[in-house]
C-alpha atoms as a PDB file:
ATOM      1  CA  HIS A   1    -130.876-122.453 202.035  1.00  0.00           C
ATOM      2  CA  GLU A   2    -130.240-122.858 205.754  1.00  0.00           C
ATOM      3  CA  ALA A   3    -127.619-120.098 205.428  1.00  0.00           C
ATOM      4  CA  GLY A   4    -129.933-117.973 203.264  1.00  0.00           C
ATOM      5  CA  ILE A   5    -127.984-118.693 200.085  1.00  0.00           C
ATOM      6  CA  PRO A   6    -129.940-119.328 196.881  1.00  0.00           C
ATOM      7  CA  VAL A   7    -129.210-122.652 195.144  1.00  0.00           C
ATOM      8  CA  ILE A   8    -128.786-122.678 191.366  1.00  0.00           C
ATOM      9  CA  ALA A   9    -128.221-125.799 189.250  1.00  0.00           C
ATOM     10  CA  TYR A  10    -126.229-125.107 186.084  1.00  0.00           C
ATOM     11  CA  ASP A  11    -126.560-127.574 183.162  1.00  0.00           C
ATOM     12  CA  ARG A  12    -127.182-130.510 185.530  1.00  0.00           C
ATOM     13  CA  ILE A  13    -130.221-130.885 187.757  1.00  0.00           C
ATOM     14  CA  ILE A  14    -129.525-131.347 191.464  1.00  0.00           C
ATOM     15  CA  ARG A  15    -132.122-133.892 192.501  1.00  0.00           C
ATOM     16  CA  ASP A  16    -131.640-133.833 196.269  1.00  0.00           C
ATOM     17  CA  SER A  17    -131.792-130.077 196.779  1.00  0.00           C
ATOM     18  CA  ASP A  18    -134.480-127.426 196.952  1.00  0.00           C
ATOM     19  CA  LEU A  19    -133.511-125.341 193.906  1.00  0.00           C
ATOM     20  CA  ASP A  20    -134.169-121.668 193.354  1.00  0.00           C
ATOM     21  CA  LEU A  21    -133.185-121.923 189.713  1.00  0.00           C
ATOM     22  CA  TYR A  22    -132.196-124.521 187.120  1.00  0.00           C
ATOM     23  CA  VAL A  23    -130.499-123.324 183.932  1.00  0.00           C
ATOM     24  CA  SER A  24    -129.764-125.695 181.067  1.00  0.00           C
ATOM     25  CA  PHE A  25    -130.112-126.308 177.356  1.00  0.00           C
ATOM     26  CA  ASP A  26    -133.154-128.000 175.851  1.00  0.00           C
ATOM     27  CA  ASN A  27    -131.570-131.436 176.045  1.00  0.00           C
ATOM     28  CA  GLU A  28    -134.563-133.209 174.528  1.00  0.00           C
ATOM     29  CA  ARG A  29    -134.272-130.933 171.490  1.00  0.00           C
ATOM     30  CA  VAL A  30    -130.563-131.829 171.247  1.00  0.00           C
ATOM     31  CA  GLY A  31    -131.572-135.517 171.147  1.00  0.00           C
ATOM     32  CA  GLU A  32    -134.189-134.773 168.482  1.00  0.00           C
ATOM     33  CA  LEU A  33    -131.613-132.975 166.313  1.00  0.00           C
ATOM     34  CA  GLN A  34    -129.144-135.845 166.649  1.00  0.00           C
ATOM     35  CA  ALA A  35    -131.737-138.460 165.710  1.00  0.00           C
ATOM     36  CA  ARG A  36    -133.147-136.387 162.822  1.00  0.00           C
ATOM     37  CA  PHE A  37    -129.653-136.050 161.354  1.00  0.00           C
ATOM     38  CA  LEU A  38    -129.057-139.776 161.712  1.00  0.00           C
ATOM     39  CA  VAL A  39    -132.394-140.700 160.088  1.00  0.00           C
ATOM     40  CA  ASP A  40    -131.842-138.279 157.204  1.00  0.00           C
ATOM     41  CA  HIS A  41    -128.250-139.368 156.553  1.00  0.00           C
ATOM     42  CA  LEU A  42    -128.475-143.146 156.734  1.00  0.00           C
ATOM     43  CA  PRO A  43    -127.296-144.740 153.453  1.00  0.00           C
ATOM     44  CA  THR A  44    -130.993-145.201 152.659  1.00  0.00           C
ATOM     45  CA  PRO A  45    -132.594-142.216 154.450  1.00  0.00           C
ATOM     46  CA  GLY A  46    -135.093-143.344 157.071  1.00  0.00           C
ATOM     47  CA  LYS A  47    -134.035-146.990 156.868  1.00  0.00           C
ATOM     48  CA  GLY A  48    -131.205-148.912 158.426  1.00  0.00           C
ATOM     49  CA  ARG A  49    -129.661-150.642 161.385  1.00  0.00           C
ATOM     50  CA  ILE A  50    -128.241-148.552 164.212  1.00  0.00           C
ATOM     51  CA  VAL A  51    -126.457-148.838 167.545  1.00  0.00           C
ATOM     52  CA  ARG A  52    -127.630-146.451 170.256  1.00  0.00           C
ATOM     53  CA  ILE A  53    -125.062-145.227 172.796  1.00  0.00           C
ATOM     54  CA  TYR A  54    -126.634-143.355 175.669  1.00  0.00           C
ATOM     55  CA  GLY A  55    -124.715-141.308 178.188  1.00  0.00           C
ATOM     56  CA  ALA A  56    -124.345-142.125 181.856  1.00  0.00           C
ATOM     57  CA  LYS A  57    -127.467-143.790 183.246  1.00  0.00           C
ATOM     58  CA  THR A  58    -127.088-141.675 186.399  1.00  0.00           C
ATOM     59  CA  ASP A  59    -127.117-138.380 184.442  1.00  0.00           C
ATOM     60  CA  ASN A  60    -130.538-136.766 183.942  1.00  0.00           C
ATOM     61  CA  ASN A  61    -129.237-135.052 180.794  1.00  0.00           C
ATOM     62  CA  ALA A  62    -128.562-138.455 179.217  1.00  0.00           C
ATOM     63  CA  SER A  63    -132.173-139.454 179.841  1.00  0.00           C
ATOM     64  CA  GLN A  64    -133.359-136.204 178.276  1.00  0.00           C
ATOM     65  CA  PHE A  65    -131.192-136.759 175.165  1.00  0.00           C
ATOM     66  CA  LYS A  66    -132.660-140.262 174.887  1.00  0.00           C
ATOM     67  CA  ARG A  67    -136.247-138.990 175.192  1.00  0.00           C
ATOM     68  CA  GLY A  68    -135.637-136.544 172.352  1.00  0.00           C
ATOM     69  CA  GLN A  69    -134.023-139.243 170.215  1.00  0.00           C
ATOM     70  CA  ASP A  70    -136.909-141.601 170.982  1.00  0.00           C
ATOM     71  CA  ARG A  71    -139.479-139.064 169.755  1.00  0.00           C
ATOM     72  CA  VAL A  72    -137.843-139.031 166.335  1.00  0.00           C
ATOM     73  CA  LEU A  73    -136.897-142.704 166.099  1.00  0.00           C
ATOM     74  CA  GLU A  74    -140.013-144.429 167.477  1.00  0.00           C
ATOM     75  CA  PRO A  75    -142.142-144.163 164.294  1.00  0.00           C
ATOM     76  CA  TYR A  76    -139.285-145.576 162.184  1.00  0.00           C
ATOM     77  CA  ILE A  77    -138.661-148.377 164.673  1.00  0.00           C
ATOM     78  CA  ALA A  78    -142.385-149.179 164.925  1.00  0.00           C
ATOM     79  CA  ARG A  79    -142.581-149.544 161.106  1.00  0.00           C
ATOM     80  CA  GLY A  80    -139.440-151.675 161.064  1.00  0.00           C
ATOM     81  CA  ASP A  81    -137.623-149.121 158.898  1.00  0.00           C
ATOM     82  CA  ILE A  82    -134.951-148.629 161.545  1.00  0.00           C
ATOM     83  CA  VAL A  83    -133.718-151.545 163.612  1.00  0.00           C
ATOM     84  CA  VAL A  84    -131.766-150.921 166.800  1.00  0.00           C
ATOM     85  CA  VAL A  85    -129.309-153.808 166.750  1.00  0.00           C
ATOM     86  CA  HIS A  86    -127.702-152.849 170.047  1.00  0.00           C
ATOM     87  CA  GLU A  87    -128.140-150.169 172.705  1.00  0.00           C
ATOM     88  CA  ASP A  88    -126.511-149.469 176.026  1.00  0.00           C
ATOM     89  CA  TRP A  89    -125.622-146.761 178.531  1.00  0.00           C
ATOM     90  CA  ALA A  90    -121.993-145.544 178.480  1.00  0.00           C
ATOM     91  CA  GLU A  91    -121.089-145.487 182.155  1.00  0.00           C
ATOM     92  CA  GLU A  92    -119.665-142.094 183.201  1.00  0.00           C
ATOM     93  CA  TRP A  93    -119.837-140.933 179.532  1.00  0.00           C
ATOM     94  CA  LYS A  94    -116.424-142.581 179.034  1.00  0.00           C
ATOM     95  CA  PRO A  95    -115.230-143.111 175.445  1.00  0.00           C
ATOM     96  CA  GLU A  96    -113.896-146.572 176.330  1.00  0.00           C
ATOM     97  CA  ASN A  97    -117.408-147.591 177.391  1.00  0.00           C
ATOM     98  CA  ALA A  98    -118.807-146.338 174.072  1.00  0.00           C
ATOM     99  CA  LYS A  99    -116.072-148.299 172.294  1.00  0.00           C
ATOM    100  CA  ARG A 100    -117.173-151.451 174.110  1.00  0.00           C
ATOM    101  CA  ILE A 101    -120.780-150.846 173.042  1.00  0.00           C
ATOM    102  CA  VAL A 102    -119.864-150.309 169.395  1.00  0.00           C
ATOM    103  CA  ASN A 103    -117.519-153.287 169.382  1.00  0.00           C
ATOM    104  CA  ALA A 104    -120.563-155.331 170.407  1.00  0.00           C
ATOM    105  CA  ALA A 105    -122.480-154.366 167.247  1.00  0.00           C
ATOM    106  CA  ILE A 106    -120.935-152.263 164.491  1.00  0.00           C
ATOM    107  CA  THR A 107    -123.383-150.327 162.276  1.00  0.00           C
ATOM    108  CA  ALA A 108    -124.586-146.650 162.473  1.00  0.00           C
ATOM    109  CA  ALA A 109    -123.981-145.177 165.947  1.00  0.00           C
ATOM    110  CA  LEU A 110    -126.247-142.588 167.566  1.00  0.00           C
ATOM    111  CA  ALA A 111    -123.822-141.428 170.254  1.00  0.00           C
ATOM    112  CA  SER A 112    -125.162-138.956 172.810  1.00  0.00           C
ATOM    113  CA  ASN A 113    -122.035-136.812 173.037  1.00  0.00           C
ATOM    114  CA  ASP A 114    -118.695-136.286 171.308  1.00  0.00           C
ATOM    115  CA  GLY A 115    -116.719-138.285 173.891  1.00  0.00           C
ATOM    116  CA  THR A 116    -118.805-141.397 173.335  1.00  0.00           C
ATOM    117  CA  ALA A 117    -118.662-140.723 169.576  1.00  0.00           C
ATOM    118  CA  GLY A 118    -114.868-140.811 169.907  1.00  0.00           C
ATOM    119  CA  GLY A 119    -115.009-144.229 171.554  1.00  0.00           C
ATOM    120  CA  ALA A 120    -117.336-145.469 168.830  1.00  0.00           C
ATOM    121  CA  ILE A 121    -115.033-144.156 166.105  1.00  0.00           C
ATOM    122  CA  GLN A 122    -112.039-145.810 167.757  1.00  0.00           C
ATOM    123  CA  ALA A 123    -113.887-149.145 167.598  1.00  0.00           C
ATOM    124  CA  LEU A 124    -114.818-148.485 163.969  1.00  0.00           C
ATOM    125  CA  SER A 125    -111.213-147.587 163.126  1.00  0.00           C
ATOM    126  CA  GLU A 126    -110.046-150.939 164.462  1.00  0.00           C
ATOM    127  CA  GLU A 127    -112.467-152.618 162.046  1.00  0.00           C
ATOM    128  CA  GLY A 128    -111.516-150.373 159.104  1.00  0.00           C
ATOM    129  CA  LEU A 129    -114.972-148.772 159.182  1.00  0.00           C
ATOM    130  CA  ALA A 130    -114.250-145.224 160.420  1.00  0.00           C
ATOM    131  CA  GLY A 131    -115.895-142.806 158.004  1.00  0.00           C
ATOM    132  CA  LYS A 132    -118.024-145.575 156.506  1.00  0.00           C
ATOM    133  CA  VAL A 133    -120.460-145.750 159.425  1.00  0.00           C
ATOM    134  CA  LEU A 134    -122.521-142.745 160.500  1.00  0.00           C
ATOM    135  CA  VAL A 135    -121.648-141.480 164.015  1.00  0.00           C
ATOM    136  CA  THR A 136    -123.337-138.502 165.713  1.00  0.00           C
ATOM    137  CA  GLY A 137    -122.393-136.475 168.780  1.00  0.00           C
ATOM    138  CA  GLN A 138    -122.941-133.217 170.655  1.00  0.00           C
ATOM    139  CA  ASP A 139    -120.848-130.573 172.434  1.00  0.00           C
ATOM    140  CA  ALA A 140    -118.775-129.505 169.388  1.00  0.00           C
ATOM    141  CA  ASP A 141    -115.546-130.592 171.113  1.00  0.00           C
ATOM    142  CA  THR A 142    -112.404-129.639 169.202  1.00  0.00           C
ATOM    143  CA  VAL A 143    -111.513-133.301 168.604  1.00  0.00           C
ATOM    144  CA  ALA A 144    -115.052-133.948 167.318  1.00  0.00           C
ATOM    145  CA  LEU A 145    -114.738-131.046 164.876  1.00  0.00           C
ATOM    146  CA  GLN A 146    -111.438-132.523 163.721  1.00  0.00           C
ATOM    147  CA  ARG A 147    -113.135-135.921 163.238  1.00  0.00           C
ATOM    148  CA  ILE A 148    -115.892-134.225 161.229  1.00  0.00           C
ATOM    149  CA  ALA A 149    -113.269-132.515 159.048  1.00  0.00           C
ATOM    150  CA  ALA A 150    -111.526-135.887 158.637  1.00  0.00           C
ATOM    151  CA  GLY A 151    -114.833-137.543 157.727  1.00  0.00           C
ATOM    152  CA  THR A 152    -114.992-140.036 160.599  1.00  0.00           C
ATOM    153  CA  GLN A 153    -117.758-138.279 162.590  1.00  0.00           C
ATOM    154  CA  ALA A 154    -120.882-137.147 160.753  1.00  0.00           C
ATOM    155  CA  MET A 155    -122.179-134.356 162.993  1.00  0.00           C
ATOM    156  CA  THR A 156    -122.187-132.657 166.368  1.00  0.00           C
ATOM    157  CA  ILE A 157    -124.601-130.298 168.100  1.00  0.00           C
ATOM    158  CA  TYR A 158    -123.076-126.955 169.094  1.00  0.00           C
ATOM    159  CA  LYS A 159    -124.541-125.542 172.292  1.00  0.00           C
ATOM    160  CA  PRO A 160    -123.614-121.869 172.854  1.00  0.00           C
ATOM    161  CA  LEU A 161    -122.143-122.087 176.338  1.00  0.00           C
ATOM    162  CA  LYS A 162    -121.520-118.330 176.556  1.00  0.00           C
ATOM    163  CA  THR A 163    -125.251-117.706 176.124  1.00  0.00           C
ATOM    164  CA  LEU A 164    -126.152-120.189 178.867  1.00  0.00           C
ATOM    165  CA  THR A 165    -123.366-118.930 181.140  1.00  0.00           C
ATOM    166  CA  ARG A 166    -124.305-115.279 180.669  1.00  0.00           C
ATOM    167  CA  GLY A 167    -127.995-116.038 181.270  1.00  0.00           C
ATOM    168  CA  ALA A 168    -127.200-118.093 184.364  1.00  0.00           C
ATOM    169  CA  ALA A 169    -125.001-115.301 185.761  1.00  0.00           C
ATOM    170  CA  GLU A 170    -127.713-112.675 185.166  1.00  0.00           C
ATOM    171  CA  LEU A 171    -130.345-114.880 186.797  1.00  0.00           C
ATOM    172  CA  ALA A 172    -128.043-115.635 189.725  1.00  0.00           C
ATOM    173  CA  VAL A 173    -127.627-111.901 190.357  1.00  0.00           C
ATOM    174  CA  GLN A 174    -131.410-111.468 190.228  1.00  0.00           C
ATOM    175  CA  VAL A 175    -131.978-114.380 192.626  1.00  0.00           C
ATOM    176  CA  ALA A 176    -129.317-113.036 194.996  1.00  0.00           C
ATOM    177  CA  ALA A 177    -130.894-109.560 194.918  1.00  0.00           C
END
């Protein structure tokens, strides 16, 4: 801004900057979709024990995913239909941190992205449970799609990056003009 240059945050909010524009997906909706899938696909739909793996605690997107998941899960948890047996934040979104979380309590895993889903599935594989325990994700990473085809990951959320990128570029041109 001091140099007269507009500041645009793309997919991640910049908290310590005066922004002209912030472009992202509806991350709370992504969390809602993940949780709805999990609830609907538990062995007894709407009832079960789950492990919640959040993203990086320092990432605003991770908090937004969690808020969306909470909106769907809270009524089930309040009734006692769904029990969260373990939950934790996966530092830096690293799969090995998700693996540690799942190793702590193996059941259904509501992972906030495909990388953490991969760590969870690795832990499940070591216990002979890959494909037997529901694991969610988001980003539609190639490896996640392969895990879905193999039956070890239940779902992912595809976010059309070209749409966001194109929209951000068009808005950036408008802001610059």
